[in-house]
Amino acid sequence: MPHPLLSPSFSDSSEAFGQSLRRMIVRALANGWRKAWFWHSRTRQRRALSALDARLLNDIGIDRRSDRREAAKGFWRD
């Protein structure tokens, strides 16, 4: 009787596990990349907002106080 670790069914399940693990790793990396890109984008938008003058802020319906409050938020905060 062959050793259980050398049986074809073990090899198949090991290969399936490896593929599943690779998919999980790729998914985790993709999610991390999306989150980092979202945070980067949010930071750029807040900087652009804080660079607007009072007239432009008024045009979009935001006062200077709200602008400063938004710009002071950390990149991870909504």
Protein backbone atom coordinates (compact mmCIF):
# COMPACT_ATOMS: atom_id res chain seq x y z
CA MET A 1 0.00 0.00 0.00
CA PRO A 2 1.48 3.39 -0.99
CA HIS A 3 2.24 6.05 1.58
CA PRO A 4 -0.76 8.44 2.06
CA LEU A 5 1.34 11.51 1.24
CA LEU A 6 2.31 9.98 -2.11
CA SER A 7 -1.21 9.06 -3.14
CA PRO A 8 -2.75 10.92 -6.12
CA SER A 9 -5.64 12.27 -4.03
CA PHE A 10 -3.22 14.00 -1.63
CA SER A 11 -1.36 15.54 -4.55
CA ASP A 12 -4.62 16.80 -6.07
CA SER A 13 -5.83 18.33 -2.82
CA SER A 14 -2.42 19.89 -2.21
CA GLU A 15 -2.49 21.48 -5.68
CA ALA A 16 -6.04 22.76 -5.10
CA PHE A 17 -4.96 24.22 -1.77
CA GLY A 18 -2.01 25.94 -3.43
CA GLN A 19 -4.24 27.48 -6.08
CA SER A 20 -6.72 28.60 -3.45
CA LEU A 21 -3.94 30.14 -1.39
CA ARG A 22 -2.58 31.99 -4.42
CA ARG A 23 -6.06 33.37 -5.19
CA MET A 24 -6.45 34.56 -1.60
CA ILE A 25 -3.06 36.27 -1.68
CA VAL A 26 -3.76 37.95 -5.02
CA ARG A 27 -7.17 39.11 -3.76
CA ALA A 28 -5.64 40.51 -0.56
CA LEU A 29 -2.95 42.37 -2.51
CA ALA A 30 -5.52 43.75 -4.96
CA ASN A 31 -7.74 44.94 -2.10
CA GLY A 32 -4.77 46.56 -0.39
CA TRP A 33 -3.78 48.30 -3.62
CA ARG A 34 -7.33 49.60 -4.12
CA LYS A 35 -7.47 50.90 -0.55
CA ALA A 36 -4.08 52.62 -0.91
CA TRP A 37 -5.16 54.19 -4.22
CA PHE A 38 -8.42 55.38 -2.65
CA TRP A 39 -6.54 56.98 0.25
CA HIS A 40 -4.10 58.64 -2.16
CA SER A 41 -6.97 59.98 -4.23
CA ARG A 42 -8.74 61.30 -1.13
CA THR A 43 -5.55 63.11 -0.05
CA ARG A 44 -5.19 64.73 -3.49
CA GLN A 45 -8.80 65.87 -3.46
CA ARG A 46 -8.47 67.42 -0.01
CA ARG A 47 -5.31 69.26 -1.03
CA ALA A 48 -7.04 70.56 -4.16
CA LEU A 49 -10.01 71.70 -2.10
CA SER A 50 -7.79 73.54 0.36
CA ALA A 51 -6.05 75.31 -2.53
CA LEU A 52 -9.28 76.95 -3.71
CA ASP A 53 -9.87 80.59 -2.91
CA ALA A 54 -12.97 81.86 -1.09
CA ARG A 55 -14.77 82.77 -4.32
CA LEU A 56 -14.42 79.27 -5.77
CA LEU A 57 -15.39 77.67 -2.46
CA ASN A 58 -18.49 79.85 -2.42
CA ASP A 59 -19.29 78.73 -5.99
CA ILE A 60 -19.42 75.09 -4.87
CA GLY A 61 -21.27 75.90 -1.65
CA ILE A 62 -18.49 75.35 0.87
CA ASP A 63 -17.29 77.90 3.41
CA ARG A 64 -13.66 78.29 4.48
CA ARG A 65 -14.32 76.72 7.87
CA SER A 66 -15.73 73.52 6.32
CA ASP A 67 -12.84 73.47 3.87
CA ARG A 68 -10.28 73.65 6.69
CA ARG A 69 -12.10 71.00 8.69
CA GLU A 70 -12.09 68.65 5.69
CA ALA A 71 -8.44 69.34 4.91
CA ALA A 72 -7.44 68.58 8.51
CA LYS A 73 -8.89 65.06 8.39
CA GLY A 74 -6.53 62.13 8.09
CA PHE A 75 -6.45 60.28 4.77
CA TRP A 76 -8.15 57.27 6.37
CA ARG A 77 -11.15 59.28 7.66
CA ASP A 78 -14.38 59.87 5.74
